[in-house]
Amino acid sequence: MPNPKRRHSQQRSAKRRTHYKVDPVTLSKDSLTGEIHVRHRAHVSEGKLIYKGKVVSEKSPV
């Protein structure tokens, strides 16, 4: 298996990493409550955990 004979410089590694970018977060409007939330993530609304437009769990009044 080939290995580099000499070490890569830090500048060379940094040049390669400059192309990694963070994508903006996609937001959606909930069909039940009308709230804006992060897409494909569960979110809390009025003490209820909602995912894909359905109530997943409710907070018990303990």
Protein backbone atom coordinates (compact mmCIF):
# COMPACT_ATOMS: atom_id res chain seq x y z
CA MET A 1 0.00 0.00 0.00
CA PRO A 2 1.56 3.35 -0.99
CA ASN A 3 2.44 5.83 1.72
CA PRO A 4 3.63 9.41 1.35
CA LYS A 5 7.38 9.73 1.52
CA ARG A 6 7.23 13.15 3.12
CA ARG A 7 4.72 14.87 5.37
CA HIS A 8 2.09 17.14 3.79
CA SER A 9 2.34 20.77 4.84
CA GLN A 10 -0.39 22.38 6.95
CA GLN A 11 -1.12 24.80 4.13
CA ARG A 12 -1.85 21.93 1.76
CA SER A 13 -4.31 20.40 4.18
CA ALA A 14 -5.97 23.78 4.79
CA LYS A 15 -6.40 24.34 1.04
CA ARG A 16 -8.23 21.04 0.77
CA ARG A 17 -10.51 21.90 3.69
CA THR A 18 -11.59 25.30 2.31
CA HIS A 19 -14.26 23.61 0.20
CA TYR A 20 -16.16 22.21 3.19
CA LYS A 21 -19.18 24.46 3.73
CA VAL A 22 -22.13 24.45 6.09
CA ASP A 23 -25.50 24.29 4.35
CA PRO A 24 -28.28 26.55 5.62
CA VAL A 25 -30.94 24.84 7.74
CA THR A 26 -34.22 24.09 5.93
CA LEU A 27 -37.28 25.28 7.81
CA SER A 28 -40.87 24.09 7.47
CA LYS A 29 -44.27 25.22 8.68
CA ASP A 30 -46.10 22.70 10.85
CA SER A 31 -49.52 21.72 9.48
CA LEU A 32 -51.07 21.26 12.95
CA THR A 33 -49.84 24.33 14.81
CA GLY A 34 -48.50 26.58 12.05
CA GLU A 35 -45.15 26.96 13.82
CA ILE A 36 -41.84 27.18 11.97
CA HIS A 37 -39.45 24.32 12.81
CA VAL A 38 -36.35 22.55 11.51
CA ARG A 39 -37.26 20.05 8.82
CA HIS A 40 -37.07 16.29 9.59
CA ARG A 41 -36.74 16.94 13.34
CA ALA A 42 -39.24 16.52 16.16
CA HIS A 43 -40.25 19.78 17.87
CA VAL A 44 -42.12 20.74 21.03
CA SER A 45 -45.33 22.74 20.77
CA GLU A 46 -47.58 23.44 23.77
CA GLY A 47 -46.01 20.61 25.79
CA LYS A 48 -46.45 18.05 22.99
CA LEU A 49 -43.68 16.47 20.96
CA ILE A 50 -44.64 16.59 17.28
CA TYR A 51 -43.01 14.77 14.35
CA LYS A 52 -44.27 14.53 10.76
CA GLY A 53 -47.49 16.33 11.70
CA LYS A 54 -48.42 13.83 14.40
CA VAL A 55 -48.23 13.98 18.19
CA VAL A 56 -45.51 11.59 19.32
CA SER A 57 -45.78 12.13 23.08
CA GLU A 58 -47.46 14.45 25.54
CA LYS A 59 -46.03 15.84 28.72
CA SER A 60 -47.79 14.33 31.73
CA PRO A 61 -49.05 16.78 34.40
CA VAL A 62 -46.98 15.37 37.29
